[in-house]
Amino acid sequence: MREVINISLPSPMAKTVKIAVKNGSYSSTSEFFRHLLRDWQEGKLLNELNESRAEIAASKGKILRSLKDLR
């Protein structure tokens, strides 16, 4: 199911989006923003992964010996 979200952009930003679509970089304005959101989500996940790796490297991670340790 899709949901419509309306946003307001300053003219220079709106022009940037329109040019990207017109040049064929994106098939639509919606695709531009979906791509932007996917990149943001991926970056957030990568940051969380890097934080977890740093905790493990600093010996702050919890060693799980069984599924019961997840509780």
N, C-alpha and C. Protein backbone atom coordinates (compact mmCIF):
# COMPACT_ATOMS: atom_id res chain seq x y z
N MET A 1 0.84 -1.18 0.00
CA MET A 1 0.00 0.00 0.00
C MET A 1 0.88 1.24 0.00
N ARG A 2 0.52 2.18 -0.79
CA ARG A 2 1.29 3.43 -0.88
C ARG A 2 0.55 4.55 -0.17
N GLU A 3 1.33 5.49 0.29
CA GLU A 3 0.77 6.65 0.97
C GLU A 3 1.36 7.90 0.33
N VAL A 4 0.55 8.90 0.13
CA VAL A 4 0.99 10.15 -0.47
C VAL A 4 1.47 11.08 0.64
N ILE A 5 2.67 11.64 0.44
CA ILE A 5 3.23 12.62 1.36
C ILE A 5 3.59 13.84 0.53
N ASN A 6 3.08 14.97 0.90
CA ASN A 6 3.40 16.22 0.20
C ASN A 6 4.50 16.96 0.95
N ILE A 7 5.47 17.49 0.22
CA ILE A 7 6.53 18.25 0.84
C ILE A 7 6.67 19.60 0.14
N SER A 8 7.24 20.52 0.84
CA SER A 8 7.49 21.85 0.30
C SER A 8 8.99 22.06 0.25
N LEU A 9 9.50 22.51 -0.89
CA LEU A 9 10.93 22.73 -1.07
C LEU A 9 11.21 24.16 -1.52
N PRO A 10 12.35 24.71 -1.13
CA PRO A 10 12.76 25.99 -1.70
C PRO A 10 12.97 25.81 -3.21
N SER A 11 12.77 26.86 -3.95
CA SER A 11 12.87 26.79 -5.42
C SER A 11 14.16 26.16 -5.93
N PRO A 12 15.33 26.52 -5.39
CA PRO A 12 16.56 25.89 -5.91
C PRO A 12 16.57 24.37 -5.73
N MET A 13 16.04 23.89 -4.61
CA MET A 13 15.99 22.44 -4.39
C MET A 13 15.00 21.79 -5.34
N ALA A 14 13.85 22.40 -5.52
CA ALA A 14 12.85 21.85 -6.44
C ALA A 14 13.41 21.79 -7.86
N LYS A 15 14.17 22.82 -8.23
CA LYS A 15 14.78 22.85 -9.56
C LYS A 15 15.79 21.71 -9.72
N THR A 16 16.55 21.43 -8.67
CA THR A 16 17.52 20.34 -8.69
C THR A 16 16.83 19.00 -8.94
N VAL A 17 15.71 18.78 -8.26
CA VAL A 17 14.96 17.54 -8.43
C VAL A 17 14.42 17.45 -9.86
N LYS A 18 13.83 18.52 -10.33
CA LYS A 18 13.26 18.52 -11.69
C LYS A 18 14.32 18.26 -12.74
N ILE A 19 15.50 18.83 -12.57
CA ILE A 19 16.59 18.61 -13.53
C ILE A 19 17.04 17.15 -13.51
N ALA A 20 17.15 16.58 -12.31
CA ALA A 20 17.56 15.17 -12.20
C ALA A 20 16.56 14.25 -12.90
N VAL A 21 15.28 14.55 -12.78
CA VAL A 21 14.25 13.75 -13.45
C VAL A 21 14.30 13.98 -14.96
N LYS A 22 14.42 15.24 -15.36
CA LYS A 22 14.45 15.57 -16.78
C LYS A 22 15.66 14.94 -17.48
N ASN A 23 16.80 14.91 -16.79
CA ASN A 23 18.02 14.33 -17.37
C ASN A 23 18.00 12.81 -17.41
N GLY A 24 16.98 12.21 -16.79
CA GLY A 24 16.85 10.76 -16.83
C GLY A 24 17.54 10.04 -15.68
N SER A 25 18.07 10.79 -14.72
CA SER A 25 18.69 10.15 -13.57
C SER A 25 17.66 9.40 -12.74
N TYR A 26 16.44 9.89 -12.74
CA TYR A 26 15.31 9.28 -12.02
C TYR A 26 14.11 9.29 -12.94
N SER A 27 13.25 8.29 -12.78
CA SER A 27 12.08 8.20 -13.65
C SER A 27 10.97 9.16 -13.22
N SER A 28 11.00 9.59 -11.95
CA SER A 28 9.97 10.51 -11.46
C SER A 28 10.48 11.21 -10.20
N THR A 29 9.76 12.22 -9.81
CA THR A 29 10.08 12.92 -8.56
C THR A 29 9.97 11.96 -7.38
N SER A 30 8.96 11.11 -7.41
CA SER A 30 8.80 10.13 -6.33
C SER A 30 10.00 9.19 -6.25
N GLU A 31 10.48 8.74 -7.40
CA GLU A 31 11.64 7.85 -7.40
C GLU A 31 12.87 8.56 -6.84
N PHE A 32 13.02 9.83 -7.13
CA PHE A 32 14.13 10.62 -6.57
C PHE A 32 14.10 10.55 -5.05
N PHE A 33 12.94 10.80 -4.46
CA PHE A 33 12.83 10.82 -3.00
C PHE A 33 12.88 9.41 -2.40
N ARG A 34 12.39 8.41 -3.12
CA ARG A 34 12.53 7.03 -2.62
C ARG A 34 14.01 6.65 -2.56
N HIS A 35 14.75 7.03 -3.58
CA HIS A 35 16.19 6.75 -3.61
C HIS A 35 16.90 7.47 -2.46
N LEU A 36 16.55 8.71 -2.24
CA LEU A 36 17.13 9.50 -1.16
C LEU A 36 16.85 8.84 0.20
N LEU A 37 15.62 8.39 0.39
CA LEU A 37 15.24 7.74 1.64
C LEU A 37 15.96 6.41 1.83
N ARG A 38 16.08 5.64 0.76
CA ARG A 38 16.82 4.37 0.86
C ARG A 38 18.27 4.61 1.26
N ASP A 39 18.90 5.62 0.65
CA ASP A 39 20.29 5.95 1.00
C ASP A 39 20.39 6.36 2.46
N TRP A 40 19.45 7.13 2.94
CA TRP A 40 19.44 7.57 4.34
C TRP A 40 19.30 6.37 5.28
N GLN A 41 18.37 5.46 4.95
CA GLN A 41 18.17 4.26 5.77
C GLN A 41 19.42 3.39 5.80
N GLU A 42 20.05 3.25 4.65
CA GLU A 42 21.26 2.44 4.54
C GLU A 42 22.39 3.06 5.38
N GLY A 43 22.51 4.38 5.32
CA GLY A 43 23.53 5.07 6.10
C GLY A 43 23.30 4.92 7.60
N LYS A 44 22.03 4.99 8.00
CA LYS A 44 21.68 4.83 9.41
C LYS A 44 22.03 3.43 9.89
N LEU A 45 21.70 2.43 9.09
CA LEU A 45 22.01 1.04 9.43
C LEU A 45 23.53 0.83 9.51
N LEU A 46 24.27 1.42 8.58
CA LEU A 46 25.72 1.30 8.58
C LEU A 46 26.32 1.93 9.84
N ASN A 47 25.79 3.08 10.25
CA ASN A 47 26.27 3.72 11.48
C ASN A 47 26.03 2.83 12.70
N GLU A 48 24.84 2.22 12.77
CA GLU A 48 24.53 1.32 13.89
C GLU A 48 25.46 0.11 13.89
N LEU A 49 25.74 -0.43 12.71
CA LEU A 49 26.64 -1.56 12.60
C LEU A 49 28.05 -1.17 13.05
N ASN A 50 28.51 -0.01 12.63
CA ASN A 50 29.84 0.45 13.03
C ASN A 50 29.92 0.69 14.54
N GLU A 51 28.85 1.19 15.14
CA GLU A 51 28.81 1.38 16.59
C GLU A 51 28.90 0.03 17.30
N SER A 52 28.17 -0.95 16.78
CA SER A 52 28.22 -2.29 17.37
C SER A 52 29.61 -2.89 17.25
N ARG A 53 30.24 -2.71 16.11
CA ARG A 53 31.60 -3.23 15.91
C ARG A 53 32.57 -2.57 16.88
N ALA A 54 32.39 -1.27 17.10
CA ALA A 54 33.27 -0.55 18.05
C ALA A 54 33.07 -1.07 19.47
N GLU A 55 31.83 -1.35 19.84
CA GLU A 55 31.56 -1.92 21.17
C GLU A 55 32.22 -3.28 21.33
N ILE A 56 32.11 -4.10 20.30
CA ILE A 56 32.73 -5.42 20.35
C ILE A 56 34.25 -5.29 20.44
N ALA A 57 34.83 -4.40 19.66
CA ALA A 57 36.27 -4.19 19.68
C ALA A 57 36.73 -3.68 21.05
N ALA A 58 35.88 -2.93 21.73
CA ALA A 58 36.22 -2.40 23.05
C ALA A 58 35.83 -3.38 24.16
N SER A 59 35.48 -4.59 23.77
CA SER A 59 35.07 -5.64 24.73
C SER A 59 33.84 -5.26 25.53
N LYS A 60 32.96 -4.47 24.96
CA LYS A 60 31.72 -4.09 25.64
C LYS A 60 30.53 -4.89 25.13
N GLY A 61 30.77 -5.73 24.13
CA GLY A 61 29.70 -6.53 23.57
C GLY A 61 29.34 -7.70 24.47
N LYS A 62 28.13 -8.18 24.36
CA LYS A 62 27.66 -9.31 25.15
C LYS A 62 27.79 -10.57 24.30
N ILE A 63 28.41 -11.59 24.86
CA ILE A 63 28.56 -12.85 24.15
C ILE A 63 27.32 -13.70 24.40
N LEU A 64 26.69 -14.12 23.33
CA LEU A 64 25.50 -14.95 23.43
C LEU A 64 25.89 -16.41 23.24
N ARG A 65 25.59 -17.21 24.25
CA ARG A 65 25.93 -18.62 24.17
C ARG A 65 24.72 -19.46 23.74
N SER A 66 23.52 -18.86 23.88
CA SER A 66 22.30 -19.54 23.45
C SER A 66 21.23 -18.48 23.20
N LEU A 67 20.09 -18.90 22.66
CA LEU A 67 19.00 -17.97 22.40
C LEU A 67 18.44 -17.39 23.70
N LYS A 68 18.60 -18.10 24.79
CA LYS A 68 18.12 -17.60 26.10
C LYS A 68 18.86 -16.32 26.51
N ASP A 69 20.09 -16.16 26.02
CA ASP A 69 20.88 -14.98 26.35
C ASP A 69 20.33 -13.71 25.72
N LEU A 70 19.43 -13.84 24.76
CA LEU A 70 18.83 -12.66 24.13
C LEU A 70 17.88 -11.92 25.06
N ARG A 71 17.40 -12.58 26.07
CA ARG A 71 16.42 -11.97 27.00
C ARG A 71 17.03 -11.00 27.94
